[in-house]
Amino acid sequence: MAYIERAITSVLKNRVSSSKCLLLTGARQVGKSTLIKHVFPEYNIANFDDRLTRLQAKEEPKLFFIIVSKEYPRFCRRLG
């Protein structure tokens, strides 16, 4: 299936270039991960689908980002 360009693409590119962090939220199954993978293929993606991941991020955010930076070094390059 061909990728469908989203209207928000230019907004995301602008935000990533001017921010340390980007949070993309929305309803399930609407293409958030597909969008991020298509627009930013050079980055790994960390998401909060897993309950344990959400709990770690909520309870120990600093530790969460230390762990994420080791597991997803390209994702965290922008966060540095």
Protein backbone atom coordinates (compact mmCIF):
# COMPACT_ATOMS: atom_id res chain seq x y z
CA MET A 1 0.00 0.00 0.00
CA ALA A 2 1.31 3.45 -0.89
CA TYR A 3 2.04 5.94 1.87
CA ILE A 4 -0.51 8.75 2.17
CA GLU A 5 1.07 12.12 2.91
CA ARG A 6 -0.39 13.76 6.01
CA ALA A 7 -1.15 17.46 6.36
CA ILE A 8 0.71 17.54 9.70
CA THR A 9 4.04 16.44 8.17
CA SER A 10 5.44 19.96 7.78
CA VAL A 11 4.40 20.83 11.35
CA LEU A 12 6.23 17.76 12.70
CA LYS A 13 9.40 18.54 10.74
CA ASN A 14 9.35 22.11 12.05
CA ARG A 15 8.78 21.02 15.65
CA VAL A 16 11.56 18.43 15.56
CA SER A 17 14.01 20.99 14.27
CA SER A 18 13.17 23.45 17.05
CA SER A 19 12.36 21.21 20.04
CA LYS A 20 14.13 18.65 22.18
CA CYS A 21 11.09 16.43 22.43
CA LEU A 22 8.03 15.64 20.36
CA LEU A 23 4.91 13.87 21.61
CA LEU A 24 2.48 12.65 18.99
CA THR A 25 -0.84 11.45 20.37
CA GLY A 26 -4.08 10.40 18.79
CA ALA A 27 -6.67 7.68 18.42
CA ARG A 28 -5.58 4.10 17.91
CA GLN A 29 -4.88 2.78 14.43
CA VAL A 30 -4.79 6.15 12.64
CA GLY A 31 -1.18 5.94 11.44
CA LYS A 32 0.90 7.76 14.07
CA SER A 33 3.72 5.20 14.01
CA THR A 34 3.59 4.93 10.23
CA LEU A 35 3.85 8.71 9.93
CA ILE A 36 6.85 8.92 12.27
CA LYS A 37 8.62 5.99 10.59
CA HIS A 38 8.07 7.54 7.16
CA VAL A 39 9.01 11.13 8.02
CA PHE A 40 11.92 10.29 10.37
CA PRO A 41 13.34 6.94 9.18
CA GLU A 42 16.75 7.66 10.71
CA TYR A 43 15.34 7.61 14.25
CA ASN A 44 14.24 4.71 16.38
CA ILE A 45 10.86 5.04 18.00
CA ALA A 46 9.95 4.59 21.64
CA ASN A 47 6.28 4.32 22.43
CA PHE A 48 4.11 3.70 25.45
CA ASP A 49 2.02 0.79 24.20
CA ASP A 50 3.59 -1.48 26.80
CA ARG A 51 2.17 -1.06 30.32
CA LEU A 52 5.57 -1.54 31.97
CA THR A 53 7.12 1.14 29.75
CA ARG A 54 4.39 3.62 30.73
CA LEU A 55 4.86 2.81 34.40
CA GLN A 56 8.65 3.27 34.20
CA ALA A 57 8.27 6.62 32.45
CA LYS A 58 5.70 7.81 34.98
CA GLU A 59 7.45 6.63 38.14
CA GLU A 60 11.09 7.33 37.21
CA PRO A 61 11.24 9.67 34.19
CA LYS A 62 14.99 10.36 34.47
CA LEU A 63 15.79 6.66 34.70
CA PHE A 64 13.40 5.98 31.82
CA PHE A 65 15.30 8.33 29.51
CA ILE A 66 18.64 6.87 30.58
CA ILE A 67 17.38 3.41 29.65
CA VAL A 68 15.79 4.66 26.42
CA SER A 69 18.98 6.46 25.41
CA LYS A 70 20.88 3.15 25.65
CA GLU A 71 18.20 1.10 23.86
CA TYR A 72 17.34 3.75 21.27
CA PRO A 73 20.46 5.90 20.76
CA ARG A 74 19.30 7.45 17.48
CA PHE A 75 15.92 8.37 19.02
CA CYS A 76 17.65 10.21 21.86
CA ARG A 77 20.17 12.03 19.69
CA ARG A 78 17.57 14.80 19.30
CA LEU A 79 16.81 14.79 23.01
CA GLY A 80 20.45 15.40 23.98
